[in-house]
Amino acid sequence: MQSQEIQQALEKLKASSADIEAAALVSQEGFIIASVLSDNLDEDRVAALTAAFQGLAERCGEELGKGKPRQFFLQADLGYIVVMEVSQDACLTVLSSRFGKPGMLLLDMRKSIEQVRALL
């Protein structure tokens, strides 16, 4: 794994839109691999909540007969939380302001994921 290049890919993703507030590459076990977070966010909390969110999404997919989730999207009052699968072992979590355009956010994330996959 090339951690410096992964970090740069996340920084590029965050810089791609003023609405992206944070980006984190999180292992399936709930540990940060790399992140670009604002000062008010704790890496460990983001990783743990991503893992919990992923576990719930997997359970929903299984229970409802839709299989393993590839991405999940939460629209909240103050913004978006999007989690996308990067590999069997990692996912990308992005936090965006409520002014973000969901389609552009997903497009930017997919581009970033392609870069990160090549580095894992």
C-alpha atoms as a PDB file:
ATOM      1  CA  MET A   1       0.000   0.000   0.000  1.00  0.00           C
ATOM      2  CA  GLN A   2       1.279   3.464  -0.905  1.00  0.00           C
ATOM      3  CA  SER A   3      -0.040   5.600   1.934  1.00  0.00           C
ATOM      4  CA  GLN A   4       1.315   8.951   0.747  1.00  0.00           C
ATOM      5  CA  GLU A   5      -0.337   8.562  -2.660  1.00  0.00           C
ATOM      6  CA  ILE A   6      -3.620   7.481  -1.024  1.00  0.00           C
ATOM      7  CA  GLN A   7      -3.485  10.561   1.195  1.00  0.00           C
ATOM      8  CA  GLN A   8      -2.925  12.735  -1.881  1.00  0.00           C
ATOM      9  CA  ALA A   9      -5.901  11.132  -3.641  1.00  0.00           C
ATOM     10  CA  LEU A  10      -8.126  11.991  -0.668  1.00  0.00           C
ATOM     11  CA  GLU A  11      -6.797  15.549  -0.599  1.00  0.00           C
ATOM     12  CA  LYS A  12      -7.539  15.861  -4.318  1.00  0.00           C
ATOM     13  CA  LEU A  13     -11.071  14.565  -3.722  1.00  0.00           C
ATOM     14  CA  LYS A  14     -11.676  17.085  -0.939  1.00  0.00           C
ATOM     15  CA  ALA A  15     -10.285  19.899  -3.106  1.00  0.00           C
ATOM     16  CA  SER A  16     -12.568  18.895  -6.002  1.00  0.00           C
ATOM     17  CA  SER A  17     -15.575  20.507  -4.304  1.00  0.00           C
ATOM     18  CA  ALA A  18     -15.981  23.192  -1.674  1.00  0.00           C
ATOM     19  CA  ASP A  19     -18.933  21.153  -0.395  1.00  0.00           C
ATOM     20  CA  ILE A  20     -16.804  18.119   0.565  1.00  0.00           C
ATOM     21  CA  GLU A  21     -15.982  18.581   4.222  1.00  0.00           C
ATOM     22  CA  ALA A  22     -14.138  15.335   4.903  1.00  0.00           C
ATOM     23  CA  ALA A  23     -12.967  12.118   3.279  1.00  0.00           C
ATOM     24  CA  ALA A  24     -11.716   8.954   4.932  1.00  0.00           C
ATOM     25  CA  LEU A  25     -10.545   5.567   3.720  1.00  0.00           C
ATOM     26  CA  VAL A  26     -11.686   3.092   6.357  1.00  0.00           C
ATOM     27  CA  SER A  27     -10.860  -0.596   6.780  1.00  0.00           C
ATOM     28  CA  GLN A  28     -13.610  -3.185   7.187  1.00  0.00           C
ATOM     29  CA  GLU A  29     -12.524  -3.510  10.811  1.00  0.00           C
ATOM     30  CA  GLY A  30     -13.227   0.183  11.448  1.00  0.00           C
ATOM     31  CA  PHE A  31      -9.724   1.666  11.351  1.00  0.00           C
ATOM     32  CA  ILE A  32      -8.579   4.739   9.426  1.00  0.00           C
ATOM     33  CA  ILE A  33      -6.234   3.971   6.544  1.00  0.00           C
ATOM     34  CA  ALA A  34      -6.012   7.610   5.425  1.00  0.00           C
ATOM     35  CA  SER A  35      -8.142  10.697   5.964  1.00  0.00           C
ATOM     36  CA  VAL A  36      -8.640  14.370   5.287  1.00  0.00           C
ATOM     37  CA  LEU A  37     -10.860  15.566   8.130  1.00  0.00           C
ATOM     38  CA  SER A  38     -11.745  18.932   9.576  1.00  0.00           C
ATOM     39  CA  ASP A  39     -10.510  19.746  13.074  1.00  0.00           C
ATOM     40  CA  ASN A  40     -13.903  19.091  14.649  1.00  0.00           C
ATOM     41  CA  LEU A  41     -13.944  15.444  13.486  1.00  0.00           C
ATOM     42  CA  ASP A  42     -12.179  12.630  15.279  1.00  0.00           C
ATOM     43  CA  GLU A  43     -10.618   9.927  13.063  1.00  0.00           C
ATOM     44  CA  ASP A  44     -11.512   7.100  15.420  1.00  0.00           C
ATOM     45  CA  ARG A  45     -15.134   8.205  15.653  1.00  0.00           C
ATOM     46  CA  VAL A  46     -15.467   8.547  11.862  1.00  0.00           C
ATOM     47  CA  ALA A  47     -13.964   5.075  11.394  1.00  0.00           C
ATOM     48  CA  ALA A  48     -16.111   3.444  14.074  1.00  0.00           C
ATOM     49  CA  LEU A  49     -19.329   5.028  12.802  1.00  0.00           C
ATOM     50  CA  THR A  50     -18.459   4.091   9.219  1.00  0.00           C
ATOM     51  CA  ALA A  51     -18.004   0.464  10.285  1.00  0.00           C
ATOM     52  CA  ALA A  52     -21.298   0.537  12.211  1.00  0.00           C
ATOM     53  CA  PHE A  53     -23.097   2.149   9.246  1.00  0.00           C
ATOM     54  CA  GLN A  54     -21.618  -0.456   6.942  1.00  0.00           C
ATOM     55  CA  GLY A  55     -22.680  -3.287   9.240  1.00  0.00           C
ATOM     56  CA  LEU A  56     -26.243  -1.982   9.320  1.00  0.00           C
ATOM     57  CA  ALA A  57     -26.312  -1.576   5.517  1.00  0.00           C
ATOM     58  CA  GLU A  58     -25.038  -5.137   5.072  1.00  0.00           C
ATOM     59  CA  ARG A  59     -27.715  -6.451   7.426  1.00  0.00           C
ATOM     60  CA  CYS A  60     -30.410  -4.542   5.549  1.00  0.00           C
ATOM     61  CA  GLY A  61     -29.152  -5.847   2.215  1.00  0.00           C
ATOM     62  CA  GLU A  62     -29.171  -9.418   3.467  1.00  0.00           C
ATOM     63  CA  GLU A  63     -32.502  -9.235   5.312  1.00  0.00           C
ATOM     64  CA  LEU A  64     -34.233  -7.592   2.363  1.00  0.00           C
ATOM     65  CA  GLY A  65     -32.736  -9.942  -0.200  1.00  0.00           C
ATOM     66  CA  LYS A  66     -30.645  -7.363  -2.067  1.00  0.00           C
ATOM     67  CA  GLY A  67     -27.180  -8.674  -1.285  1.00  0.00           C
ATOM     68  CA  LYS A  68     -24.077  -6.783  -0.261  1.00  0.00           C
ATOM     69  CA  PRO A  69     -24.319  -2.979  -0.497  1.00  0.00           C
ATOM     70  CA  ARG A  70     -21.798  -1.248  -2.766  1.00  0.00           C
ATOM     71  CA  GLN A  71     -22.645   2.262  -1.613  1.00  0.00           C
ATOM     72  CA  PHE A  72     -24.987   3.916   0.834  1.00  0.00           C
ATOM     73  CA  PHE A  73     -26.116   7.475   1.066  1.00  0.00           C
ATOM     74  CA  LEU A  74     -27.526   9.390   4.026  1.00  0.00           C
ATOM     75  CA  GLN A  75     -29.114  12.784   3.554  1.00  0.00           C
ATOM     76  CA  ALA A  76     -29.355  14.623   6.863  1.00  0.00           C
ATOM     77  CA  ASP A  77     -30.479  18.136   7.776  1.00  0.00           C
ATOM     78  CA  LEU A  78     -26.956  19.546   7.546  1.00  0.00           C
ATOM     79  CA  GLY A  79     -25.476  17.485   4.749  1.00  0.00           C
ATOM     80  CA  TYR A  80     -24.676  14.113   3.269  1.00  0.00           C
ATOM     81  CA  ILE A  81     -22.749  11.059   4.392  1.00  0.00           C
ATOM     82  CA  VAL A  82     -21.789   8.720   1.569  1.00  0.00           C
ATOM     83  CA  VAL A  83     -19.952   5.413   1.926  1.00  0.00           C
ATOM     84  CA  MET A  84     -18.690   3.503  -1.122  1.00  0.00           C
ATOM     85  CA  GLU A  85     -16.895   0.209  -1.349  1.00  0.00           C
ATOM     86  CA  VAL A  86     -13.296   0.549  -2.533  1.00  0.00           C
ATOM     87  CA  SER A  87     -12.252  -3.075  -2.124  1.00  0.00           C
ATOM     88  CA  GLN A  88     -13.161  -6.117  -0.082  1.00  0.00           C
ATOM     89  CA  ASP A  89     -11.144  -4.611   2.747  1.00  0.00           C
ATOM     90  CA  ALA A  90     -11.885  -0.882   2.603  1.00  0.00           C
ATOM     91  CA  CYS A  91     -14.496   1.774   1.933  1.00  0.00           C
ATOM     92  CA  LEU A  92     -14.466   5.503   1.279  1.00  0.00           C
ATOM     93  CA  THR A  93     -16.548   7.781   3.490  1.00  0.00           C
ATOM     94  CA  VAL A  94     -17.267  11.353   2.436  1.00  0.00           C
ATOM     95  CA  LEU A  95     -19.070  14.053   4.402  1.00  0.00           C
ATOM     96  CA  SER A  96     -20.579  16.893   2.411  1.00  0.00           C
ATOM     97  CA  SER A  97     -22.467  20.069   3.200  1.00  0.00           C
ATOM     98  CA  ARG A  98     -26.175  20.229   2.475  1.00  0.00           C
ATOM     99  CA  PHE A  99     -25.385  22.393  -0.540  1.00  0.00           C
ATOM    100  CA  GLY A 100     -23.479  19.597  -2.269  1.00  0.00           C
ATOM    101  CA  LYS A 101     -24.862  18.149  -5.470  1.00  0.00           C
ATOM    102  CA  PRO A 102     -25.342  14.404  -4.893  1.00  0.00           C
ATOM    103  CA  GLY A 103     -24.625  13.453  -8.506  1.00  0.00           C
ATOM    104  CA  MET A 104     -21.344  15.373  -8.576  1.00  0.00           C
ATOM    105  CA  LEU A 105     -20.389  14.000  -5.180  1.00  0.00           C
ATOM    106  CA  LEU A 106     -20.882  10.418  -6.377  1.00  0.00           C
ATOM    107  CA  LEU A 107     -18.972  11.114  -9.601  1.00  0.00           C
ATOM    108  CA  ASP A 108     -16.015  12.639  -7.726  1.00  0.00           C
ATOM    109  CA  MET A 109     -15.995   9.720  -5.302  1.00  0.00           C
ATOM    110  CA  ARG A 110     -15.948   7.154  -8.117  1.00  0.00           C
ATOM    111  CA  LYS A 111     -12.970   8.894  -9.737  1.00  0.00           C
ATOM    112  CA  SER A 112     -11.126   8.926  -6.432  1.00  0.00           C
ATOM    113  CA  ILE A 113     -11.924   5.273  -5.769  1.00  0.00           C
ATOM    114  CA  GLU A 114     -10.337   4.271  -9.072  1.00  0.00           C
ATOM    115  CA  GLN A 115      -7.121   6.024  -8.025  1.00  0.00           C
ATOM    116  CA  VAL A 116      -7.156   4.489  -4.552  1.00  0.00           C
ATOM    117  CA  ARG A 117      -7.877   0.962  -5.823  1.00  0.00           C
ATOM    118  CA  ALA A 118      -4.764   1.115  -7.966  1.00  0.00           C
ATOM    119  CA  LEU A 119      -2.726   1.985  -4.852  1.00  0.00           C
ATOM    120  CA  LEU A 120      -4.081  -0.665  -2.465  1.00  0.00           C
END
